[in-house]
Amino acid sequence: MAPPAQAAPPTITTVASAKTAAPGVNSRVIATADCGSVNNVVTGGGVSMTTSADGTMASSAQRVEGTGPGSASATFSTNNSTNAEFWIGADGTGTNNSDSNGGAIAFALCDNAKTYTGGTTIATASVNHPTSSTDFTPATVSCPANTHLLTGGALTTPQDGDLKVVGSYPSDVNGNPVANGATNPAYWSAMGDENGTQSDTTEVFAVCATNAVAATVEQAVSTGTTATDTHQAVDVQCPANTSLVGGGFAVDANPNLYSGTTAFSGSGNHGDHGIGSYPTNSSGVAWTSGAATGWTGVLHTGGMHNTTPTYAHTYAVCVS
């Protein structure tokens, strides 16, 4: 007797926004990717600060300051909002000007007609951190009862010359990044970084499905870099017969895959930052239409980078 046919994984389509203009000195621009209809909900998404696939930037100042779901164009979702249609990307600069060609592009992963998710709820949480250059306190959130985590995002406020997102990833309750191959993570964490003030806030978002999901997290780490004013990207792909529903990234000091019990390891190079976290095709190229298969995270080192290596971690959330 032939084995029963397996159900096909859900079809999640990718939509990219137009590229914004580059931000000026000490400012932020917002890009919005739209799933196109109130019946199409966003399962996840990302942002890129560049027009090239590998993340090359001419300036060390431009960085990810936010990536998360939106219930309206250019507006991040609030706690307990439902059926977000948009994905928002925030691109900011410090005291140096940005790459004049490097505006933000937002990417949305869309469940058309809610056929897979059954609709979504957004959960949020925040911490008043970082408060110093060595403060890597995560903001961590879980999904409401009877919903299931798909992916998440992060936002740092206020916009200033130093504050940025350096982590947005699936985690445990303590904010430890999950291991490669982890199944059905229950939490999402966000990490902000700067020299530190008492007014900093790091907010985390979780996108939660009404329908049950069978999710696996794929993780990859870059080779690390000590060079100044350079970038490094790392891509990870979903296994065959699964669908990408979201992803995350980290810029940190850990040369290894996170084990699930290892705490986030903050980089000692506080000028280092992320310039991209976005869906890709099987070749690791940013994907703007159709079904993406993997995820890329891109780090950029600042002009004051020291001899300690900095690494990029990426996370792809894959469902079957």
C-alpha atoms as a PDB file:
ATOM      1  CA  MET A   1       0.000   0.000   0.000  1.00  0.00           C
ATOM      2  CA  ALA A   2       1.334   3.428  -0.885  1.00  0.00           C
ATOM      3  CA  PRO A   3       1.989   5.799   2.056  1.00  0.00           C
ATOM      4  CA  PRO A   4      -0.530   8.603   2.505  1.00  0.00           C
ATOM      5  CA  ALA A   5       0.323  11.815   0.690  1.00  0.00           C
ATOM      6  CA  GLN A   6       1.764  14.554   2.864  1.00  0.00           C
ATOM      7  CA  ALA A   7       0.037  17.899   2.950  1.00  0.00           C
ATOM      8  CA  ALA A   8       1.946  20.626   1.154  1.00  0.00           C
ATOM      9  CA  PRO A   9       3.483  23.326   3.345  1.00  0.00           C
ATOM     10  CA  PRO A  10       1.646  26.649   3.368  1.00  0.00           C
ATOM     11  CA  THR A  11       2.304  29.158   0.597  1.00  0.00           C
ATOM     12  CA  ILE A  12       3.795  32.318   2.055  1.00  0.00           C
ATOM     13  CA  THR A  13       4.489  35.066  -0.482  1.00  0.00           C
ATOM     14  CA  THR A  14       7.101  37.805  -0.256  1.00  0.00           C
ATOM     15  CA  VAL A  15       6.383  41.473  -0.910  1.00  0.00           C
ATOM     16  CA  ALA A  16       9.002  44.257  -0.893  1.00  0.00           C
ATOM     17  CA  SER A  17       8.444  47.977  -0.482  1.00  0.00           C
ATOM     18  CA  ALA A  18       9.900  50.673  -2.645  1.00  0.00           C
ATOM     19  CA  LYS A  19      13.282  51.942  -1.461  1.00  0.00           C
ATOM     20  CA  THR A  20      13.099  55.063   0.684  1.00  0.00           C
ATOM     21  CA  ALA A  21      15.431  58.006   0.376  1.00  0.00           C
ATOM     22  CA  ALA A  22      18.499  57.769   2.598  1.00  0.00           C
ATOM     23  CA  PRO A  23      18.150  59.277   6.073  1.00  0.00           C
ATOM     24  CA  GLY A  24      20.105  62.385   6.907  1.00  0.00           C
ATOM     25  CA  VAL A  25      22.317  62.973   9.928  1.00  0.00           C
ATOM     26  CA  ASN A  26      20.765  61.781  13.217  1.00  0.00           C
ATOM     27  CA  SER A  27      17.466  60.834  11.622  1.00  0.00           C
ATOM     28  CA  ARG A  28      15.307  57.861  10.693  1.00  0.00           C
ATOM     29  CA  VAL A  29      13.342  56.777   7.631  1.00  0.00           C
ATOM     30  CA  ILE A  30      10.493  54.247   7.603  1.00  0.00           C
ATOM     31  CA  ALA A  31       9.805  51.690   4.875  1.00  0.00           C
ATOM     32  CA  THR A  32       6.498  49.782   4.704  1.00  0.00           C
ATOM     33  CA  ALA A  33       5.822  46.518   2.872  1.00  0.00           C
ATOM     34  CA  ASP A  34       2.108  45.894   2.344  1.00  0.00           C
ATOM     35  CA  CYS A  35       0.577  42.426   2.046  1.00  0.00           C
ATOM     36  CA  GLY A  36      -2.120  44.113  -0.015  1.00  0.00           C
ATOM     37  CA  SER A  37      -5.419  43.394   1.670  1.00  0.00           C
ATOM     38  CA  VAL A  38      -7.050  43.165   5.073  1.00  0.00           C
ATOM     39  CA  ASN A  39      -7.496  39.476   4.255  1.00  0.00           C
ATOM     40  CA  ASN A  40      -3.729  39.014   3.829  1.00  0.00           C
ATOM     41  CA  VAL A  41      -1.861  38.969   7.134  1.00  0.00           C
ATOM     42  CA  VAL A  42       1.869  39.381   7.611  1.00  0.00           C
ATOM     43  CA  THR A  43       3.594  36.370   9.172  1.00  0.00           C
ATOM     44  CA  GLY A  44       6.994  38.040   9.303  1.00  0.00           C
ATOM     45  CA  GLY A  45       9.401  40.264   7.465  1.00  0.00           C
ATOM     46  CA  GLY A  46      12.625  42.203   7.469  1.00  0.00           C
ATOM     47  CA  VAL A  47      14.528  45.251   6.322  1.00  0.00           C
ATOM     48  CA  SER A  48      17.605  46.027   4.255  1.00  0.00           C
ATOM     49  CA  MET A  49      19.637  49.239   4.237  1.00  0.00           C
ATOM     50  CA  THR A  50      21.018  48.688   0.771  1.00  0.00           C
ATOM     51  CA  THR A  51      20.273  48.253  -2.899  1.00  0.00           C
ATOM     52  CA  SER A  52      22.726  45.369  -3.262  1.00  0.00           C
ATOM     53  CA  ALA A  53      22.129  41.767  -2.249  1.00  0.00           C
ATOM     54  CA  ASP A  54      25.153  41.431   0.034  1.00  0.00           C
ATOM     55  CA  GLY A  55      24.671  44.540   2.147  1.00  0.00           C
ATOM     56  CA  THR A  56      27.563  46.706   0.948  1.00  0.00           C
ATOM     57  CA  MET A  57      27.343  50.217   2.388  1.00  0.00           C
ATOM     58  CA  ALA A  58      29.549  53.238   1.815  1.00  0.00           C
ATOM     59  CA  SER A  59      29.088  54.573   5.349  1.00  0.00           C
ATOM     60  CA  SER A  60      29.420  53.015   8.782  1.00  0.00           C
ATOM     61  CA  ALA A  61      26.637  55.149  10.269  1.00  0.00           C
ATOM     62  CA  GLN A  62      23.490  53.651   8.732  1.00  0.00           C
ATOM     63  CA  ARG A  63      21.847  50.843  10.723  1.00  0.00           C
ATOM     64  CA  VAL A  64      18.704  48.856  11.586  1.00  0.00           C
ATOM     65  CA  GLU A  65      16.696  50.686  14.251  1.00  0.00           C
ATOM     66  CA  GLY A  66      13.473  48.720  13.864  1.00  0.00           C
ATOM     67  CA  THR A  67      11.871  45.764  12.093  1.00  0.00           C
ATOM     68  CA  GLY A  68       8.392  44.624  13.004  1.00  0.00           C
ATOM     69  CA  PRO A  69       4.701  44.188  12.139  1.00  0.00           C
ATOM     70  CA  GLY A  70       2.482  47.137  11.347  1.00  0.00           C
ATOM     71  CA  SER A  71      -1.256  47.558  11.677  1.00  0.00           C
ATOM     72  CA  ALA A  72      -1.061  50.649   9.455  1.00  0.00           C
ATOM     73  CA  SER A  73       1.480  51.948   6.982  1.00  0.00           C
ATOM     74  CA  ALA A  74       4.593  53.368   8.716  1.00  0.00           C
ATOM     75  CA  THR A  75       3.135  52.479  12.135  1.00  0.00           C
ATOM     76  CA  PHE A  76       4.367  49.598  14.299  1.00  0.00           C
ATOM     77  CA  SER A  77       1.668  47.392  15.801  1.00  0.00           C
ATOM     78  CA  THR A  78       0.523  47.757  19.396  1.00  0.00           C
ATOM     79  CA  ASN A  79       0.020  44.992  21.944  1.00  0.00           C
ATOM     80  CA  ASN A  80      -2.978  42.705  21.277  1.00  0.00           C
ATOM     81  CA  SER A  81      -3.669  44.197  17.858  1.00  0.00           C
ATOM     82  CA  THR A  82      -4.852  41.648  15.316  1.00  0.00           C
ATOM     83  CA  ASN A  83      -4.306  40.729  11.675  1.00  0.00           C
ATOM     84  CA  ALA A  84      -1.416  43.081  10.901  1.00  0.00           C
ATOM     85  CA  GLU A  85      -1.163  43.635   7.139  1.00  0.00           C
ATOM     86  CA  PHE A  86       2.201  45.428   7.003  1.00  0.00           C
ATOM     87  CA  TRP A  87       5.873  44.954   7.867  1.00  0.00           C
ATOM     88  CA  ILE A  88       7.799  48.051   8.909  1.00  0.00           C
ATOM     89  CA  GLY A  89      11.522  48.704   8.618  1.00  0.00           C
ATOM     90  CA  ALA A  90      13.261  51.616  10.365  1.00  0.00           C
ATOM     91  CA  ASP A  91      16.637  52.793   9.079  1.00  0.00           C
ATOM     92  CA  GLY A  92      18.573  55.372  11.077  1.00  0.00           C
ATOM     93  CA  THR A  93      21.895  57.165  11.231  1.00  0.00           C
ATOM     94  CA  GLY A  94      24.239  58.624  13.795  1.00  0.00           C
ATOM     95  CA  THR A  95      26.391  61.699  13.650  1.00  0.00           C
ATOM     96  CA  ASN A  96      27.851  60.731  10.279  1.00  0.00           C
ATOM     97  CA  ASN A  97      25.750  60.896   7.153  1.00  0.00           C
ATOM     98  CA  SER A  98      24.445  57.749   5.531  1.00  0.00           C
ATOM     99  CA  ASP A  99      25.178  56.235   2.166  1.00  0.00           C
ATOM    100  CA  SER A 100      23.276  58.492  -0.244  1.00  0.00           C
ATOM    101  CA  ASN A 101      22.234  55.416  -2.244  1.00  0.00           C
ATOM    102  CA  GLY A 102      21.275  53.339   0.784  1.00  0.00           C
ATOM    103  CA  GLY A 103      17.635  53.858   1.618  1.00  0.00           C
ATOM    104  CA  ALA A 104      15.563  51.277   3.470  1.00  0.00           C
ATOM    105  CA  ILE A 105      13.588  48.459   1.845  1.00  0.00           C
ATOM    106  CA  ALA A 106      11.015  46.558   3.915  1.00  0.00           C
ATOM    107  CA  PHE A 107      10.072  42.939   3.191  1.00  0.00           C
ATOM    108  CA  ALA A 108       6.778  41.309   4.198  1.00  0.00           C
ATOM    109  CA  LEU A 109       5.970  37.590   4.258  1.00  0.00           C
ATOM    110  CA  CYS A 110       2.254  37.310   3.600  1.00  0.00           C
ATOM    111  CA  ASP A 111      -0.353  34.635   4.263  1.00  0.00           C
ATOM    112  CA  ASN A 112      -2.906  35.347   1.566  1.00  0.00           C
ATOM    113  CA  ALA A 113      -6.499  35.175   2.798  1.00  0.00           C
ATOM    114  CA  LYS A 114      -5.344  33.890   6.228  1.00  0.00           C
ATOM    115  CA  THR A 115      -5.520  30.340   4.906  1.00  0.00           C
ATOM    116  CA  TYR A 116      -2.574  29.210   7.023  1.00  0.00           C
ATOM    117  CA  THR A 117      -2.415  31.378  10.120  1.00  0.00           C
ATOM    118  CA  GLY A 118      -6.148  31.682  10.680  1.00  0.00           C
ATOM    119  CA  GLY A 119      -5.394  35.289  11.570  1.00  0.00           C
ATOM    120  CA  THR A 120      -2.747  36.741  13.857  1.00  0.00           C
ATOM    121  CA  THR A 121      -2.335  38.577  17.140  1.00  0.00           C
ATOM    122  CA  ILE A 122       0.641  40.838  17.894  1.00  0.00           C
ATOM    123  CA  ALA A 123       2.189  40.683  21.370  1.00  0.00           C
ATOM    124  CA  THR A 124       4.650  43.324  22.563  1.00  0.00           C
ATOM    125  CA  ALA A 125       6.847  44.034  25.580  1.00  0.00           C
ATOM    126  CA  SER A 126       9.583  46.556  26.344  1.00  0.00           C
ATOM    127  CA  VAL A 127      12.491  47.264  28.675  1.00  0.00           C
ATOM    128  CA  ASN A 128      14.167  50.565  29.570  1.00  0.00           C
ATOM    129  CA  HIS A 129      17.527  49.350  28.344  1.00  0.00           C
ATOM    130  CA  PRO A 130      20.339  49.683  27.423  1.00  0.00           C
ATOM    131  CA  THR A 131      21.520  51.984  30.204  1.00  0.00           C
ATOM    132  CA  SER A 132      25.259  51.539  29.612  1.00  0.00           C
ATOM    133  CA  SER A 133      27.711  50.309  26.997  1.00  0.00           C
ATOM    134  CA  THR A 134      27.838  46.888  28.679  1.00  0.00           C
ATOM    135  CA  ASP A 135      24.079  46.502  29.167  1.00  0.00           C
ATOM    136  CA  PHE A 136      22.606  43.756  26.983  1.00  0.00           C
ATOM    137  CA  THR A 137      19.260  43.278  28.710  1.00  0.00           C
ATOM    138  CA  PRO A 138      16.745  41.582  26.389  1.00  0.00           C
ATOM    139  CA  ALA A 139      13.122  42.505  25.908  1.00  0.00           C
ATOM    140  CA  THR A 140      11.248  39.178  25.731  1.00  0.00           C
ATOM    141  CA  VAL A 141       7.633  38.378  24.890  1.00  0.00           C
ATOM    142  CA  SER A 142       5.456  35.280  24.482  1.00  0.00           C
ATOM    143  CA  CYS A 143       2.222  34.790  22.580  1.00  0.00           C
ATOM    144  CA  PRO A 144      -1.219  34.985  24.211  1.00  0.00           C
ATOM    145  CA  ALA A 145      -2.982  31.774  25.241  1.00  0.00           C
ATOM    146  CA  ASN A 146      -4.264  29.641  22.356  1.00  0.00           C
ATOM    147  CA  THR A 147      -1.975  31.313  19.810  1.00  0.00           C
ATOM    148  CA  HIS A 148       1.350  30.138  18.388  1.00  0.00           C
ATOM    149  CA  LEU A 149       4.586  32.013  17.683  1.00  0.00           C
ATOM    150  CA  LEU A 150       5.533  32.588  14.051  1.00  0.00           C
ATOM    151  CA  THR A 151       8.257  35.224  14.246  1.00  0.00           C
ATOM    152  CA  GLY A 152       9.033  38.600  15.777  1.00  0.00           C
ATOM    153  CA  GLY A 153      10.721  41.948  15.545  1.00  0.00           C
ATOM    154  CA  ALA A 154      12.380  44.771  17.456  1.00  0.00           C
ATOM    155  CA  LEU A 155      12.377  48.565  17.775  1.00  0.00           C
ATOM    156  CA  THR A 156      14.677  50.933  19.649  1.00  0.00           C
ATOM    157  CA  THR A 157      13.608  54.428  20.761  1.00  0.00           C
ATOM    158  CA  PRO A 158      14.306  57.296  20.800  1.00  0.00           C
ATOM    159  CA  GLN A 159      16.096  57.892  17.520  1.00  0.00           C
ATOM    160  CA  ASP A 160      19.518  59.234  18.474  1.00  0.00           C
ATOM    161  CA  GLY A 161      23.131  59.127  17.371  1.00  0.00           C
ATOM    162  CA  ASP A 162      23.989  55.730  18.810  1.00  0.00           C
ATOM    163  CA  LEU A 163      20.991  53.529  19.705  1.00  0.00           C
ATOM    164  CA  LYS A 164      20.205  50.580  17.409  1.00  0.00           C
ATOM    165  CA  VAL A 165      18.816  47.040  17.263  1.00  0.00           C
ATOM    166  CA  VAL A 166      21.525  44.363  17.487  1.00  0.00           C
ATOM    167  CA  GLY A 167      19.269  41.355  18.041  1.00  0.00           C
ATOM    168  CA  SER A 168      15.828  40.059  17.077  1.00  0.00           C
ATOM    169  CA  TYR A 169      15.558  36.309  17.519  1.00  0.00           C
ATOM    170  CA  PRO A 170      13.559  33.324  18.876  1.00  0.00           C
ATOM    171  CA  SER A 171      14.479  32.663  22.496  1.00  0.00           C
ATOM    172  CA  ASP A 172      13.642  31.075  25.809  1.00  0.00           C
ATOM    173  CA  VAL A 173      11.944  32.936  28.651  1.00  0.00           C
ATOM    174  CA  ASN A 174      15.300  34.397  29.752  1.00  0.00           C
ATOM    175  CA  GLY A 175      16.148  35.813  26.348  1.00  0.00           C
ATOM    176  CA  ASN A 176      18.686  33.110  25.441  1.00  0.00           C
ATOM    177  CA  PRO A 177      18.659  32.481  21.659  1.00  0.00           C
ATOM    178  CA  VAL A 178      17.247  29.057  20.777  1.00  0.00           C
ATOM    179  CA  ALA A 179      19.428  26.289  19.373  1.00  0.00           C
ATOM    180  CA  ASN A 180      19.700  25.318  15.738  1.00  0.00           C
ATOM    181  CA  GLY A 181      16.891  22.886  14.986  1.00  0.00           C
ATOM    182  CA  ALA A 182      14.738  24.033  17.908  1.00  0.00           C
ATOM    183  CA  THR A 183      11.034  23.340  17.419  1.00  0.00           C
ATOM    184  CA  ASN A 184       8.050  25.531  18.253  1.00  0.00           C
ATOM    185  CA  PRO A 185       9.855  28.316  20.140  1.00  0.00           C
ATOM    186  CA  ALA A 186       7.612  30.074  22.641  1.00  0.00           C
ATOM    187  CA  TYR A 187       9.381  33.434  23.007  1.00  0.00           C
ATOM    188  CA  TRP A 188      10.911  36.190  20.905  1.00  0.00           C
ATOM    189  CA  SER A 189      13.594  38.558  22.206  1.00  0.00           C
ATOM    190  CA  ALA A 190      15.040  41.880  21.100  1.00  0.00           C
ATOM    191  CA  MET A 191      18.353  43.497  22.003  1.00  0.00           C
ATOM    192  CA  GLY A 192      19.319  47.151  21.822  1.00  0.00           C
ATOM    193  CA  ASP A 193      22.818  48.593  22.062  1.00  0.00           C
ATOM    194  CA  GLU A 194      24.428  51.993  22.577  1.00  0.00           C
ATOM    195  CA  ASN A 195      26.744  53.786  24.977  1.00  0.00           C
ATOM    196  CA  GLY A 196      23.683  54.023  27.175  1.00  0.00           C
ATOM    197  CA  THR A 197      21.222  56.516  28.667  1.00  0.00           C
ATOM    198  CA  GLN A 198      18.356  56.200  31.099  1.00  0.00           C
ATOM    199  CA  SER A 199      15.850  57.104  28.364  1.00  0.00           C
ATOM    200  CA  ASP A 200      16.518  54.170  26.011  1.00  0.00           C
ATOM    201  CA  THR A 201      13.723  51.702  25.262  1.00  0.00           C
ATOM    202  CA  THR A 202      13.941  48.373  23.450  1.00  0.00           C
ATOM    203  CA  GLU A 203      10.600  46.938  22.294  1.00  0.00           C
ATOM    204  CA  VAL A 204       9.985  43.392  21.084  1.00  0.00           C
ATOM    205  CA  PHE A 205       7.170  42.109  18.851  1.00  0.00           C
ATOM    206  CA  ALA A 206       5.779  38.588  18.458  1.00  0.00           C
ATOM    207  CA  VAL A 207       3.553  37.594  15.539  1.00  0.00           C
ATOM    208  CA  CYS A 208       1.209  34.873  16.790  1.00  0.00           C
ATOM    209  CA  ALA A 209      -1.014  32.590  14.681  1.00  0.00           C
ATOM    210  CA  THR A 210      -4.455  31.401  15.674  1.00  0.00           C
ATOM    211  CA  ASN A 211      -3.871  28.071  13.949  1.00  0.00           C
ATOM    212  CA  ALA A 212      -1.397  25.578  15.401  1.00  0.00           C
ATOM    213  CA  VAL A 213       1.982  25.488  13.645  1.00  0.00           C
ATOM    214  CA  ALA A 214       4.860  23.030  13.382  1.00  0.00           C
ATOM    215  CA  ALA A 215       7.854  25.381  13.373  1.00  0.00           C
ATOM    216  CA  THR A 216      11.574  24.654  13.228  1.00  0.00           C
ATOM    217  CA  VAL A 217      14.333  27.254  13.645  1.00  0.00           C
ATOM    218  CA  GLU A 218      17.385  27.104  11.396  1.00  0.00           C
ATOM    219  CA  GLN A 219      20.421  29.058  12.625  1.00  0.00           C
ATOM    220  CA  ALA A 220      23.722  30.075  11.010  1.00  0.00           C
ATOM    221  CA  VAL A 221      26.751  32.137  12.095  1.00  0.00           C
ATOM    222  CA  SER A 222      29.224  34.122  10.005  1.00  0.00           C
ATOM    223  CA  THR A 223      32.982  33.618  10.058  1.00  0.00           C
ATOM    224  CA  GLY A 224      33.501  36.852  11.995  1.00  0.00           C
ATOM    225  CA  THR A 225      35.423  39.995  11.120  1.00  0.00           C
ATOM    226  CA  THR A 226      37.878  42.369  12.785  1.00  0.00           C
ATOM    227  CA  ALA A 227      38.145  44.817   9.866  1.00  0.00           C
ATOM    228  CA  THR A 228      36.797  48.342  10.227  1.00  0.00           C
ATOM    229  CA  ASP A 229      34.091  49.803   7.982  1.00  0.00           C
ATOM    230  CA  THR A 230      33.208  46.507   6.375  1.00  0.00           C
ATOM    231  CA  HIS A 231      30.224  44.170   6.214  1.00  0.00           C
ATOM    232  CA  GLN A 232      29.648  40.463   6.581  1.00  0.00           C
ATOM    233  CA  ALA A 233      26.512  38.523   5.647  1.00  0.00           C
ATOM    234  CA  VAL A 234      25.354  35.011   6.520  1.00  0.00           C
ATOM    235  CA  ASP A 235      22.416  33.133   4.987  1.00  0.00           C
ATOM    236  CA  VAL A 236      20.441  30.154   6.273  1.00  0.00           C
ATOM    237  CA  GLN A 237      17.871  28.130   4.318  1.00  0.00           C
ATOM    238  CA  CYS A 238      14.705  26.303   5.321  1.00  0.00           C
ATOM    239  CA  PRO A 239      14.667  22.512   4.776  1.00  0.00           C
ATOM    240  CA  ALA A 240      12.861  21.017   1.797  1.00  0.00           C
ATOM    241  CA  ASN A 241       9.083  20.730   2.112  1.00  0.00           C
ATOM    242  CA  THR A 242       8.845  23.599   4.587  1.00  0.00           C
ATOM    243  CA  SER A 243       7.855  27.250   4.194  1.00  0.00           C
ATOM    244  CA  LEU A 244       9.614  30.343   5.514  1.00  0.00           C
ATOM    245  CA  VAL A 245       7.357  32.425   7.785  1.00  0.00           C
ATOM    246  CA  GLY A 246       9.914  34.745   9.359  1.00  0.00           C
ATOM    247  CA  GLY A 247      13.436  35.280  10.546  1.00  0.00           C
ATOM    248  CA  GLY A 248      15.785  37.173  12.793  1.00  0.00           C
ATOM    249  CA  PHE A 249      19.359  38.269  13.313  1.00  0.00           C
ATOM    250  CA  ALA A 250      21.995  39.211  15.869  1.00  0.00           C
ATOM    251  CA  VAL A 251      25.254  41.161  15.786  1.00  0.00           C
ATOM    252  CA  ASP A 252      27.353  39.816  18.624  1.00  0.00           C
ATOM    253  CA  ALA A 253      30.584  38.304  19.952  1.00  0.00           C
ATOM    254  CA  ASN A 254      29.656  34.604  19.795  1.00  0.00           C
ATOM    255  CA  PRO A 255      31.687  32.593  17.221  1.00  0.00           C
ATOM    256  CA  ASN A 256      29.459  29.524  17.617  1.00  0.00           C
ATOM    257  CA  LEU A 257      25.850  28.572  17.055  1.00  0.00           C
ATOM    258  CA  TYR A 258      23.788  29.388  20.127  1.00  0.00           C
ATOM    259  CA  SER A 259      22.955  26.255  22.117  1.00  0.00           C
ATOM    260  CA  GLY A 260      19.608  27.288  23.560  1.00  0.00           C
ATOM    261  CA  THR A 261      21.045  27.844  27.042  1.00  0.00           C
ATOM    262  CA  THR A 262      23.834  30.301  26.171  1.00  0.00           C
ATOM    263  CA  ALA A 263      23.060  33.945  26.857  1.00  0.00           C
ATOM    264  CA  PHE A 264      23.310  36.550  24.115  1.00  0.00           C
ATOM    265  CA  SER A 265      26.941  37.643  23.874  1.00  0.00           C
ATOM    266  CA  GLY A 266      27.154  41.364  23.266  1.00  0.00           C
ATOM    267  CA  SER A 267      29.867  42.708  21.027  1.00  0.00           C
ATOM    268  CA  GLY A 268      32.449  44.922  22.702  1.00  0.00           C
ATOM    269  CA  ASN A 269      32.489  47.033  19.552  1.00  0.00           C
ATOM    270  CA  HIS A 270      29.583  49.393  20.056  1.00  0.00           C
ATOM    271  CA  GLY A 271      29.902  51.004  16.657  1.00  0.00           C
ATOM    272  CA  ASP A 272      29.085  47.652  15.033  1.00  0.00           C
ATOM    273  CA  HIS A 273      25.500  47.196  13.899  1.00  0.00           C
ATOM    274  CA  GLY A 274      23.100  45.397  11.575  1.00  0.00           C
ATOM    275  CA  ILE A 275      22.315  46.773   8.128  1.00  0.00           C
ATOM    276  CA  GLY A 276      20.057  43.975   6.921  1.00  0.00           C
ATOM    277  CA  SER A 277      17.772  41.170   8.054  1.00  0.00           C
ATOM    278  CA  TYR A 278      15.652  39.911   5.177  1.00  0.00           C
ATOM    279  CA  PRO A 279      14.192  36.925   3.261  1.00  0.00           C
ATOM    280  CA  THR A 280      16.240  35.336   0.462  1.00  0.00           C
ATOM    281  CA  ASN A 281      16.076  32.828  -2.354  1.00  0.00           C
ATOM    282  CA  SER A 282      18.084  29.599  -2.404  1.00  0.00           C
ATOM    283  CA  SER A 283      21.201  31.531  -3.489  1.00  0.00           C
ATOM    284  CA  GLY A 284      21.003  33.919  -0.542  1.00  0.00           C
ATOM    285  CA  VAL A 285      19.833  36.859  -2.640  1.00  0.00           C
ATOM    286  CA  ALA A 286      17.215  39.238  -1.225  1.00  0.00           C
ATOM    287  CA  TRP A 287      13.830  38.035  -2.454  1.00  0.00           C
ATOM    288  CA  THR A 288      11.100  40.486  -3.411  1.00  0.00           C
ATOM    289  CA  SER A 289       8.298  38.439  -4.996  1.00  0.00           C
ATOM    290  CA  GLY A 290       6.976  34.907  -4.605  1.00  0.00           C
ATOM    291  CA  ALA A 291       8.050  32.399  -1.978  1.00  0.00           C
ATOM    292  CA  ALA A 292      11.353  33.065  -0.188  1.00  0.00           C
ATOM    293  CA  THR A 293      13.281  30.047   1.131  1.00  0.00           C
ATOM    294  CA  GLY A 294      15.841  31.447   3.562  1.00  0.00           C
ATOM    295  CA  TRP A 295      17.060  34.366   5.639  1.00  0.00           C
ATOM    296  CA  THR A 296      20.129  36.633   5.649  1.00  0.00           C
ATOM    297  CA  GLY A 297      21.523  38.881   8.365  1.00  0.00           C
ATOM    298  CA  VAL A 298      24.196  41.477   7.603  1.00  0.00           C
ATOM    299  CA  LEU A 299      26.546  43.160  10.080  1.00  0.00           C
ATOM    300  CA  HIS A 300      28.608  46.277   9.469  1.00  0.00           C
ATOM    301  CA  THR A 301      31.630  47.252  11.544  1.00  0.00           C
ATOM    302  CA  GLY A 302      32.203  50.844  12.547  1.00  0.00           C
ATOM    303  CA  GLY A 303      35.270  52.994  12.163  1.00  0.00           C
ATOM    304  CA  MET A 304      36.357  52.424  15.775  1.00  0.00           C
ATOM    305  CA  HIS A 305      36.181  48.627  15.649  1.00  0.00           C
ATOM    306  CA  ASN A 306      38.854  46.955  17.811  1.00  0.00           C
ATOM    307  CA  THR A 307      40.627  43.595  17.388  1.00  0.00           C
ATOM    308  CA  THR A 308      37.782  41.527  18.896  1.00  0.00           C
ATOM    309  CA  PRO A 309      35.832  39.718  16.128  1.00  0.00           C
ATOM    310  CA  THR A 310      32.180  40.507  15.547  1.00  0.00           C
ATOM    311  CA  TYR A 311      29.768  37.889  14.184  1.00  0.00           C
ATOM    312  CA  ALA A 312      26.378  37.830  12.504  1.00  0.00           C
ATOM    313  CA  HIS A 313      23.818  35.180  13.448  1.00  0.00           C
ATOM    314  CA  THR A 314      20.704  34.539  11.404  1.00  0.00           C
ATOM    315  CA  TYR A 315      17.529  32.616  12.175  1.00  0.00           C
ATOM    316  CA  ALA A 316      14.938  31.280   9.752  1.00  0.00           C
ATOM    317  CA  VAL A 317      11.571  30.101  11.093  1.00  0.00           C
ATOM    318  CA  CYS A 318      10.292  27.281   8.872  1.00  0.00           C
ATOM    319  CA  VAL A 319       6.902  25.575   9.067  1.00  0.00           C
ATOM    320  CA  SER A 320       5.540  22.355   7.615  1.00  0.00           C
END
